[in-house]
């Protein structure tokens, strides 16, 4: 019995640290914490011998489930500061939900290395966009309407679900390219995280049922042990990040976001293509 406890203590400690960092970043950057949770969980699951073919699936699914709770806390904090664009949430909400469900179904049918590559490449592109001095570059004067309207939310929902992220990683740069203020983009992205994580997690639960390779404590591809340890800490610390975000100017927030994503993307790409 003691051997089992001693084996689980390092994993539990790693989960708690992951939750603390993810919670602060959720509020600070509107990222839902998944950009931290996924790579750290991937490492933790590899240490505990989860098969490579499903390791990223478990990490992504567990991350999405944690983000359900984190996004609620982060979105509430940003809404209190008036930085959630309810008009945009109503216009994009349904498309994001559909994209997230489709993304989770697609992700369940590919190898973990494919998910790692998608994660790393998308994070790298977004990081470069946020780091380059391109604050004044936009693709449109406002949110697109008409035939092109569904494209951005479908892309955000689908890719975010496949990556196990709350939507901020994609929503923030997309919204800034569409001429939306950075603080409003971050706040709205926090609510998008909830719209992505709910259908995304549900899709991974269904697609992962009865897989004999799953680690103990799994419900489909969602690992409930990870959720129980990470989610409460992220919820408690997300408001701390939100308070910090509103003390920074536009350039500072963009640089911080981009720097963090760059480190994460390089680490994931190294793992995918070098091992």
C-alpha atoms as a PDB file:
ATOM      1  CA  UNK A   1       0.000   0.000   0.000  1.00  0.00           C
ATOM      2  CA  UNK A   2       2.791   2.406   0.928  1.00  0.00           C
ATOM      3  CA  UNK A   3       4.535   1.677  -2.370  1.00  0.00           C
ATOM      4  CA  UNK A   4       1.409   2.712  -4.261  1.00  0.00           C
ATOM      5  CA  UNK A   5       1.144   5.945  -2.252  1.00  0.00           C
ATOM      6  CA  UNK A   6       4.834   6.732  -2.793  1.00  0.00           C
ATOM      7  CA  UNK A   7       4.447   6.175  -6.523  1.00  0.00           C
ATOM      8  CA  UNK A   8       1.448   8.496  -6.730  1.00  0.00           C
ATOM      9  CA  UNK A   9       2.844  11.359  -4.610  1.00  0.00           C
ATOM     10  CA  UNK A  10       5.190  12.746  -7.319  1.00  0.00           C
ATOM     11  CA  UNK A  11       2.367  12.627  -9.866  1.00  0.00           C
ATOM     12  CA  UNK A  12      -0.016  14.333  -7.438  1.00  0.00           C
ATOM     13  CA  UNK A  13       2.529  17.066  -6.740  1.00  0.00           C
ATOM     14  CA  UNK A  14       3.057  17.616 -10.486  1.00  0.00           C
ATOM     15  CA  UNK A  15      -0.699  17.844 -11.029  1.00  0.00           C
ATOM     16  CA  UNK A  16      -1.083  20.446  -8.276  1.00  0.00           C
ATOM     17  CA  UNK A  17       1.759  22.599  -9.646  1.00  0.00           C
ATOM     18  CA  UNK A  18       0.248  22.279 -13.117  1.00  0.00           C
ATOM     19  CA  UNK A  19      -3.088  23.457 -11.783  1.00  0.00           C
ATOM     20  CA  UNK A  20      -1.545  26.483 -10.066  1.00  0.00           C
ATOM     21  CA  UNK A  21       0.345  27.659 -13.158  1.00  0.00           C
ATOM     22  CA  UNK A  22      -2.602  26.915 -15.452  1.00  0.00           C
ATOM     23  CA  UNK A  23      -5.014  28.835 -13.253  1.00  0.00           C
ATOM     24  CA  UNK A  24      -2.953  32.028 -13.219  1.00  0.00           C
ATOM     25  CA  UNK A  25      -2.359  31.813 -16.973  1.00  0.00           C
ATOM     26  CA  UNK A  26      -6.061  31.185 -17.593  1.00  0.00           C
ATOM     27  CA  UNK A  27      -6.955  34.506 -16.057  1.00  0.00           C
ATOM     28  CA  UNK A  28      -3.917  36.346 -17.393  1.00  0.00           C
ATOM     29  CA  UNK A  29      -4.123  35.249 -21.014  1.00  0.00           C
ATOM     30  CA  UNK A  30      -7.635  33.862 -21.445  1.00  0.00           C
ATOM     31  CA  UNK A  31      -6.141  30.526 -22.474  1.00  0.00           C
ATOM     32  CA  UNK A  32      -8.136  28.235 -20.199  1.00  0.00           C
ATOM     33  CA  UNK A  33      -4.908  26.691 -18.912  1.00  0.00           C
ATOM     34  CA  UNK A  34      -4.835  23.919 -21.523  1.00  0.00           C
ATOM     35  CA  UNK A  35      -1.699  25.228 -23.176  1.00  0.00           C
ATOM     36  CA  UNK A  36       0.058  24.341 -19.902  1.00  0.00           C
ATOM     37  CA  UNK A  37      -1.953  21.298 -18.865  1.00  0.00           C
ATOM     38  CA  UNK A  38      -1.524  19.324 -22.101  1.00  0.00           C
ATOM     39  CA  UNK A  39       2.297  19.272 -22.365  1.00  0.00           C
ATOM     40  CA  UNK A  40       2.789  18.695 -18.630  1.00  0.00           C
ATOM     41  CA  UNK A  41       0.237  15.884 -18.551  1.00  0.00           C
ATOM     42  CA  UNK A  42       1.899  14.345 -21.591  1.00  0.00           C
ATOM     43  CA  UNK A  43       5.166  14.183 -19.649  1.00  0.00           C
ATOM     44  CA  UNK A  44       3.463  12.829 -16.520  1.00  0.00           C
ATOM     45  CA  UNK A  45       1.617  10.132 -18.443  1.00  0.00           C
ATOM     46  CA  UNK A  46       4.800   9.051 -20.217  1.00  0.00           C
ATOM     47  CA  UNK A  47       6.545   8.645 -16.847  1.00  0.00           C
ATOM     48  CA  UNK A  48       3.726   6.378 -15.700  1.00  0.00           C
ATOM     49  CA  UNK A  49       3.940   4.226 -18.802  1.00  0.00           C
ATOM     50  CA  UNK A  50       0.802   5.178 -20.720  1.00  0.00           C
ATOM     51  CA  UNK A  51       1.151   3.985 -24.300  1.00  0.00           C
ATOM     52  CA  UNK A  52       2.310   6.680 -26.761  1.00  0.00           C
ATOM     53  CA  UNK A  53      -0.576   5.948 -29.135  1.00  0.00           C
ATOM     54  CA  UNK A  54      -3.143   7.326 -26.662  1.00  0.00           C
ATOM     55  CA  UNK A  55      -1.038   9.536 -24.371  1.00  0.00           C
ATOM     56  CA  UNK A  56      -1.899  12.817 -26.070  1.00  0.00           C
ATOM     57  CA  UNK A  57      -5.549  11.786 -26.296  1.00  0.00           C
ATOM     58  CA  UNK A  58      -5.682  11.372 -22.509  1.00  0.00           C
ATOM     59  CA  UNK A  59      -3.803  14.638 -21.953  1.00  0.00           C
ATOM     60  CA  UNK A  60      -6.058  16.590 -24.325  1.00  0.00           C
ATOM     61  CA  UNK A  61      -9.296  15.083 -22.967  1.00  0.00           C
ATOM     62  CA  UNK A  62      -8.293  15.627 -19.337  1.00  0.00           C
ATOM     63  CA  UNK A  63      -7.241  19.184 -20.127  1.00  0.00           C
ATOM     64  CA  UNK A  64     -10.590  19.975 -21.773  1.00  0.00           C
ATOM     65  CA  UNK A  65     -12.447  18.663 -18.725  1.00  0.00           C
ATOM     66  CA  UNK A  66     -10.361  20.825 -16.385  1.00  0.00           C
ATOM     67  CA  UNK A  67     -11.007  23.833 -18.619  1.00  0.00           C
ATOM     68  CA  UNK A  68     -14.763  23.515 -18.035  1.00  0.00           C
ATOM     69  CA  UNK A  69     -14.199  24.676 -14.464  1.00  0.00           C
ATOM     70  CA  UNK A  70     -11.353  27.088 -15.189  1.00  0.00           C
ATOM     71  CA  UNK A  71     -13.244  28.907 -17.928  1.00  0.00           C
ATOM     72  CA  UNK A  72     -16.232  29.541 -15.676  1.00  0.00           C
ATOM     73  CA  UNK A  73     -13.996  31.172 -13.060  1.00  0.00           C
ATOM     74  CA  UNK A  74     -11.917  33.140 -15.566  1.00  0.00           C
ATOM     75  CA  UNK A  75     -14.923  34.310 -17.618  1.00  0.00           C
ATOM     76  CA  UNK A  76     -16.714  35.500 -14.483  1.00  0.00           C
ATOM     77  CA  UNK A  77     -13.684  37.536 -13.440  1.00  0.00           C
ATOM     78  CA  UNK A  78     -13.354  39.155 -16.875  1.00  0.00           C
ATOM     79  CA  UNK A  79     -17.108  39.789 -17.133  1.00  0.00           C
ATOM     80  CA  UNK A  80     -16.989  41.721 -13.867  1.00  0.00           C
ATOM     81  CA  UNK A  81     -14.418  43.988 -15.516  1.00  0.00           C
ATOM     82  CA  UNK A  82     -16.625  44.453 -18.603  1.00  0.00           C
ATOM     83  CA  UNK A  83     -14.238  42.721 -21.015  1.00  0.00           C
ATOM     84  CA  UNK A  84     -16.502  39.913 -22.324  1.00  0.00           C
ATOM     85  CA  UNK A  85     -18.187  40.737 -25.660  1.00  0.00           C
ATOM     86  CA  UNK A  86     -21.612  39.131 -25.220  1.00  0.00           C
ATOM     87  CA  UNK A  87     -22.668  40.174 -28.741  1.00  0.00           C
ATOM     88  CA  UNK A  88     -19.810  38.171 -30.222  1.00  0.00           C
ATOM     89  CA  UNK A  89     -20.461  35.194 -27.951  1.00  0.00           C
ATOM     90  CA  UNK A  90     -24.031  35.034 -29.266  1.00  0.00           C
ATOM     91  CA  UNK A  91     -22.879  35.281 -32.887  1.00  0.00           C
ATOM     92  CA  UNK A  92     -20.062  32.725 -32.638  1.00  0.00           C
ATOM     93  CA  UNK A  93     -21.236  30.428 -29.847  1.00  0.00           C
ATOM     94  CA  UNK A  94     -23.073  27.822 -31.916  1.00  0.00           C
ATOM     95  CA  UNK A  95     -20.300  27.557 -34.499  1.00  0.00           C
ATOM     96  CA  UNK A  96     -17.658  27.141 -31.792  1.00  0.00           C
ATOM     97  CA  UNK A  97     -19.684  24.379 -30.136  1.00  0.00           C
ATOM     98  CA  UNK A  98     -20.048  22.510 -33.431  1.00  0.00           C
ATOM     99  CA  UNK A  99     -16.365  22.934 -34.304  1.00  0.00           C
ATOM    100  CA  UNK A 100     -15.275  21.673 -30.874  1.00  0.00           C
ATOM    101  CA  UNK A 101     -17.361  18.513 -31.139  1.00  0.00           C
ATOM    102  CA  UNK A 102     -16.121  17.810 -34.664  1.00  0.00           C
ATOM    103  CA  UNK A 103     -12.525  18.388 -33.556  1.00  0.00           C
ATOM    104  CA  UNK A 104     -12.759  15.923 -30.684  1.00  0.00           C
ATOM    105  CA  UNK A 105     -14.195  13.234 -32.964  1.00  0.00           C
ATOM    106  CA  UNK A 106     -11.433  13.817 -35.522  1.00  0.00           C
ATOM    107  CA  UNK A 107      -8.709  13.795 -32.853  1.00  0.00           C
ATOM    108  CA  UNK A 108      -9.811  10.414 -31.486  1.00  0.00           C
ATOM    109  CA  UNK A 109      -9.079   8.776 -34.831  1.00  0.00           C
ATOM    110  CA  UNK A 110      -5.461   9.951 -35.293  1.00  0.00           C
ATOM    111  CA  UNK A 111      -2.138   9.038 -33.678  1.00  0.00           C
ATOM    112  CA  UNK A 112      -0.835  10.964 -30.663  1.00  0.00           C
ATOM    113  CA  UNK A 113       2.109  12.252 -32.708  1.00  0.00           C
ATOM    114  CA  UNK A 114      -0.336  13.929 -35.071  1.00  0.00           C
ATOM    115  CA  UNK A 115      -1.929  15.734 -32.133  1.00  0.00           C
ATOM    116  CA  UNK A 116       1.513  16.746 -30.838  1.00  0.00           C
ATOM    117  CA  UNK A 117       2.453  18.149 -34.238  1.00  0.00           C
ATOM    118  CA  UNK A 118      -0.803  20.103 -34.534  1.00  0.00           C
ATOM    119  CA  UNK A 119      -0.320  21.464 -31.026  1.00  0.00           C
ATOM    120  CA  UNK A 120       3.258  22.586 -31.659  1.00  0.00           C
ATOM    121  CA  UNK A 121       2.717  24.091 -35.118  1.00  0.00           C
ATOM    122  CA  UNK A 122      -0.393  26.076 -34.202  1.00  0.00           C
ATOM    123  CA  UNK A 123       1.189  27.343 -30.977  1.00  0.00           C
ATOM    124  CA  UNK A 124       4.313  28.435 -32.891  1.00  0.00           C
ATOM    125  CA  UNK A 125       2.308  30.379 -35.504  1.00  0.00           C
ATOM    126  CA  UNK A 126       0.297  32.133 -32.823  1.00  0.00           C
ATOM    127  CA  UNK A 127       3.424  32.912 -30.780  1.00  0.00           C
ATOM    128  CA  UNK A 128       5.152  34.570 -33.719  1.00  0.00           C
ATOM    129  CA  UNK A 129       2.059  36.622 -34.470  1.00  0.00           C
ATOM    130  CA  UNK A 130       1.866  37.890 -30.906  1.00  0.00           C
ATOM    131  CA  UNK A 131       5.629  38.594 -30.601  1.00  0.00           C
ATOM    132  CA  UNK A 132       6.163  40.456 -33.869  1.00  0.00           C
ATOM    133  CA  UNK A 133       5.546  44.210 -33.815  1.00  0.00           C
ATOM    134  CA  UNK A 134       2.296  43.816 -35.703  1.00  0.00           C
ATOM    135  CA  UNK A 135      -0.176  45.308 -33.264  1.00  0.00           C
ATOM    136  CA  UNK A 136      -1.664  47.571 -35.914  1.00  0.00           C
ATOM    137  CA  UNK A 137      -2.030  44.876 -38.579  1.00  0.00           C
ATOM    138  CA  UNK A 138      -5.607  43.687 -39.052  1.00  0.00           C
ATOM    139  CA  UNK A 139      -7.383  41.575 -41.637  1.00  0.00           C
ATOM    140  CA  UNK A 140     -10.729  43.326 -41.215  1.00  0.00           C
ATOM    141  CA  UNK A 141     -12.226  46.397 -39.616  1.00  0.00           C
ATOM    142  CA  UNK A 142     -14.631  44.242 -37.633  1.00  0.00           C
ATOM    143  CA  UNK A 143     -15.979  40.721 -37.158  1.00  0.00           C
ATOM    144  CA  UNK A 144     -16.897  39.252 -40.586  1.00  0.00           C
ATOM    145  CA  UNK A 145     -20.532  38.771 -41.515  1.00  0.00           C
ATOM    146  CA  UNK A 146     -22.358  36.930 -44.262  1.00  0.00           C
ATOM    147  CA  UNK A 147     -20.887  33.870 -45.967  1.00  0.00           C
ATOM    148  CA  UNK A 148     -17.483  34.143 -44.224  1.00  0.00           C
ATOM    149  CA  UNK A 149     -18.919  34.569 -40.721  1.00  0.00           C
ATOM    150  CA  UNK A 150     -18.749  30.883 -39.584  1.00  0.00           C
ATOM    151  CA  UNK A 151     -15.120  30.337 -40.651  1.00  0.00           C
ATOM    152  CA  UNK A 152     -13.262  31.885 -37.665  1.00  0.00           C
ATOM    153  CA  UNK A 153     -15.361  30.266 -34.900  1.00  0.00           C
ATOM    154  CA  UNK A 154     -15.355  26.860 -36.629  1.00  0.00           C
ATOM    155  CA  UNK A 155     -11.556  26.999 -36.922  1.00  0.00           C
ATOM    156  CA  UNK A 156     -11.146  28.116 -33.323  1.00  0.00           C
ATOM    157  CA  UNK A 157     -13.494  25.431 -31.995  1.00  0.00           C
ATOM    158  CA  UNK A 158     -12.092  22.564 -34.072  1.00  0.00           C
ATOM    159  CA  UNK A 159      -8.383  23.193 -33.561  1.00  0.00           C
ATOM    160  CA  UNK A 160      -8.788  24.102 -29.891  1.00  0.00           C
ATOM    161  CA  UNK A 161     -10.638  20.857 -29.208  1.00  0.00           C
ATOM    162  CA  UNK A 162      -7.936  18.820 -30.979  1.00  0.00           C
ATOM    163  CA  UNK A 163      -5.233  20.612 -28.954  1.00  0.00           C
ATOM    164  CA  UNK A 164      -7.012  20.424 -25.591  1.00  0.00           C
ATOM    165  CA  UNK A 165      -6.941  24.199 -25.127  1.00  0.00           C
ATOM    166  CA  UNK A 166      -9.654  26.575 -24.019  1.00  0.00           C
ATOM    167  CA  UNK A 167      -9.720  28.719 -27.101  1.00  0.00           C
ATOM    168  CA  UNK A 168      -7.709  31.713 -25.944  1.00  0.00           C
ATOM    169  CA  UNK A 169      -4.605  30.535 -27.741  1.00  0.00           C
ATOM    170  CA  UNK A 170      -6.456  30.945 -31.037  1.00  0.00           C
ATOM    171  CA  UNK A 171      -9.263  33.321 -30.102  1.00  0.00           C
ATOM    172  CA  UNK A 172      -7.008  36.120 -28.872  1.00  0.00           C
ATOM    173  CA  UNK A 173      -4.854  36.464 -32.029  1.00  0.00           C
ATOM    174  CA  UNK A 174      -7.846  35.911 -34.344  1.00  0.00           C
ATOM    175  CA  UNK A 175      -9.869  38.593 -32.578  1.00  0.00           C
ATOM    176  CA  UNK A 176      -6.976  41.058 -32.590  1.00  0.00           C
ATOM    177  CA  UNK A 177      -6.547  40.454 -36.333  1.00  0.00           C
ATOM    178  CA  UNK A 178     -10.247  41.316 -36.633  1.00  0.00           C
ATOM    179  CA  UNK A 179      -9.581  44.673 -34.981  1.00  0.00           C
ATOM    180  CA  UNK A 180     -10.844  43.790 -31.497  1.00  0.00           C
ATOM    181  CA  UNK A 181      -9.082  45.306 -28.424  1.00  0.00           C
ATOM    182  CA  UNK A 182      -6.681  42.910 -26.708  1.00  0.00           C
ATOM    183  CA  UNK A 183      -8.333  43.050 -23.282  1.00  0.00           C
ATOM    184  CA  UNK A 184     -11.765  42.383 -24.766  1.00  0.00           C
ATOM    185  CA  UNK A 185     -10.275  39.546 -26.843  1.00  0.00           C
ATOM    186  CA  UNK A 186      -8.766  37.943 -23.733  1.00  0.00           C
ATOM    187  CA  UNK A 187     -11.977  38.285 -21.728  1.00  0.00           C
ATOM    188  CA  UNK A 188     -14.196  36.914 -24.502  1.00  0.00           C
ATOM    189  CA  UNK A 189     -11.763  34.043 -25.103  1.00  0.00           C
ATOM    190  CA  UNK A 190     -12.243  32.948 -21.507  1.00  0.00           C
ATOM    191  CA  UNK A 191     -15.954  32.383 -22.159  1.00  0.00           C
ATOM    192  CA  UNK A 192     -15.209  30.691 -25.488  1.00  0.00           C
ATOM    193  CA  UNK A 193     -13.192  28.200 -23.441  1.00  0.00           C
ATOM    194  CA  UNK A 194     -16.376  26.913 -21.843  1.00  0.00           C
ATOM    195  CA  UNK A 195     -18.081  26.527 -25.228  1.00  0.00           C
ATOM    196  CA  UNK A 196     -15.102  24.516 -26.494  1.00  0.00           C
ATOM    197  CA  UNK A 197     -14.409  22.361 -23.442  1.00  0.00           C
ATOM    198  CA  UNK A 198     -17.933  21.011 -22.878  1.00  0.00           C
ATOM    199  CA  UNK A 199     -18.540  19.360 -26.291  1.00  0.00           C
ATOM    200  CA  UNK A 200     -14.833  18.599 -26.688  1.00  0.00           C
ATOM    201  CA  UNK A 201     -14.649  16.633 -23.441  1.00  0.00           C
ATOM    202  CA  UNK A 202     -17.918  14.840 -24.234  1.00  0.00           C
ATOM    203  CA  UNK A 203     -16.548  13.706 -27.590  1.00  0.00           C
ATOM    204  CA  UNK A 204     -13.379  12.312 -26.015  1.00  0.00           C
ATOM    205  CA  UNK A 205     -15.359  10.501 -23.313  1.00  0.00           C
ATOM    206  CA  UNK A 206     -17.481   8.692 -25.883  1.00  0.00           C
ATOM    207  CA  UNK A 207     -14.607   7.882 -28.258  1.00  0.00           C
ATOM    208  CA  UNK A 208     -12.378   6.561 -25.452  1.00  0.00           C
ATOM    209  CA  UNK A 209     -14.813   4.135 -23.866  1.00  0.00           C
ATOM    210  CA  UNK A 210     -13.594   0.541 -23.376  1.00  0.00           C
ATOM    211  CA  UNK A 211     -10.028   1.249 -24.544  1.00  0.00           C
ATOM    212  CA  UNK A 212      -7.928  -1.283 -22.606  1.00  0.00           C
ATOM    213  CA  UNK A 213      -4.819   0.951 -22.767  1.00  0.00           C
ATOM    214  CA  UNK A 214      -6.288   3.697 -20.575  1.00  0.00           C
ATOM    215  CA  UNK A 215      -4.626   4.520 -17.229  1.00  0.00           C
ATOM    216  CA  UNK A 216      -6.480   3.908 -13.931  1.00  0.00           C
ATOM    217  CA  UNK A 217      -9.214   6.369 -13.055  1.00  0.00           C
ATOM    218  CA  UNK A 218     -10.193   7.101 -16.656  1.00  0.00           C
ATOM    219  CA  UNK A 219     -13.668   7.877 -17.968  1.00  0.00           C
ATOM    220  CA  UNK A 220     -13.245   7.499 -21.681  1.00  0.00           C
ATOM    221  CA  UNK A 221     -10.071   9.420 -22.495  1.00  0.00           C
ATOM    222  CA  UNK A 222     -10.643  11.727 -19.500  1.00  0.00           C
ATOM    223  CA  UNK A 223      -8.498  10.874 -16.466  1.00  0.00           C
ATOM    224  CA  UNK A 224     -10.570  11.750 -13.405  1.00  0.00           C
ATOM    225  CA  UNK A 225      -7.547  11.704 -11.061  1.00  0.00           C
ATOM    226  CA  UNK A 226      -5.954  14.504 -13.050  1.00  0.00           C
ATOM    227  CA  UNK A 227      -9.216  16.452 -13.150  1.00  0.00           C
ATOM    228  CA  UNK A 228      -9.716  16.126  -9.387  1.00  0.00           C
ATOM    229  CA  UNK A 229      -6.242  17.451  -8.619  1.00  0.00           C
ATOM    230  CA  UNK A 230      -5.877  20.154 -11.290  1.00  0.00           C
ATOM    231  CA  UNK A 231      -9.337  21.699 -11.659  1.00  0.00           C
ATOM    232  CA  UNK A 232      -9.855  23.077  -8.100  1.00  0.00           C
ATOM    233  CA  UNK A 233      -6.483  24.845  -8.089  1.00  0.00           C
ATOM    234  CA  UNK A 234      -7.035  26.430 -11.495  1.00  0.00           C
ATOM    235  CA  UNK A 235     -10.440  27.743 -10.430  1.00  0.00           C
ATOM    236  CA  UNK A 236      -8.987  29.350  -7.295  1.00  0.00           C
ATOM    237  CA  UNK A 237      -6.113  31.053  -9.088  1.00  0.00           C
ATOM    238  CA  UNK A 238      -7.735  32.190 -12.362  1.00  0.00           C
ATOM    239  CA  UNK A 239      -9.001  35.474 -10.795  1.00  0.00           C
ATOM    240  CA  UNK A 240      -5.414  36.270  -9.757  1.00  0.00           C
ATOM    241  CA  UNK A 241      -4.316  36.146 -13.386  1.00  0.00           C
ATOM    242  CA  UNK A 242      -7.290  38.270 -14.464  1.00  0.00           C
ATOM    243  CA  UNK A 243      -6.296  41.006 -12.008  1.00  0.00           C
ATOM    244  CA  UNK A 244      -2.726  40.971 -13.319  1.00  0.00           C
ATOM    245  CA  UNK A 245      -3.938  41.189 -16.943  1.00  0.00           C
ATOM    246  CA  UNK A 246      -5.751  44.445 -16.318  1.00  0.00           C
ATOM    247  CA  UNK A 247      -2.567  46.053 -14.955  1.00  0.00           C
ATOM    248  CA  UNK A 248      -0.681  45.476 -18.213  1.00  0.00           C
ATOM    249  CA  UNK A 249      -0.855  47.493 -21.419  1.00  0.00           C
ATOM    250  CA  UNK A 250      -1.588  46.036 -24.839  1.00  0.00           C
ATOM    251  CA  UNK A 251       2.049  45.466 -25.892  1.00  0.00           C
ATOM    252  CA  UNK A 252       3.037  43.927 -22.564  1.00  0.00           C
ATOM    253  CA  UNK A 253       0.134  41.487 -22.645  1.00  0.00           C
ATOM    254  CA  UNK A 254       0.839  40.475 -26.260  1.00  0.00           C
ATOM    255  CA  UNK A 255       4.561  39.957 -25.568  1.00  0.00           C
ATOM    256  CA  UNK A 256       3.899  37.876 -22.469  1.00  0.00           C
ATOM    257  CA  UNK A 257       1.384  35.725 -24.325  1.00  0.00           C
ATOM    258  CA  UNK A 258       3.686  35.206 -27.317  1.00  0.00           C
ATOM    259  CA  UNK A 259       6.784  34.388 -25.246  1.00  0.00           C
ATOM    260  CA  UNK A 260       4.984  31.735 -23.291  1.00  0.00           C
ATOM    261  CA  UNK A 261       3.510  30.132 -26.404  1.00  0.00           C
ATOM    262  CA  UNK A 262       6.894  30.101 -28.122  1.00  0.00           C
ATOM    263  CA  UNK A 263       8.478  28.076 -25.317  1.00  0.00           C
ATOM    264  CA  UNK A 264       5.594  25.609 -25.257  1.00  0.00           C
ATOM    265  CA  UNK A 265       5.542  25.147 -29.052  1.00  0.00           C
ATOM    266  CA  UNK A 266       9.282  24.516 -29.324  1.00  0.00           C
ATOM    267  CA  UNK A 267       9.133  21.931 -26.571  1.00  0.00           C
ATOM    268  CA  UNK A 268       6.216  20.099 -28.213  1.00  0.00           C
ATOM    269  CA  UNK A 269       7.778  20.157 -31.686  1.00  0.00           C
ATOM    270  CA  UNK A 270      11.060  18.818 -30.295  1.00  0.00           C
ATOM    271  CA  UNK A 271       9.198  15.972 -28.651  1.00  0.00           C
ATOM    272  CA  UNK A 272       7.270  15.208 -31.853  1.00  0.00           C
ATOM    273  CA  UNK A 273      10.063  15.255 -34.432  1.00  0.00           C
ATOM    274  CA  UNK A 274      13.191  14.526 -32.377  1.00  0.00           C
ATOM    275  CA  UNK A 275      11.849  12.447 -29.514  1.00  0.00           C
END
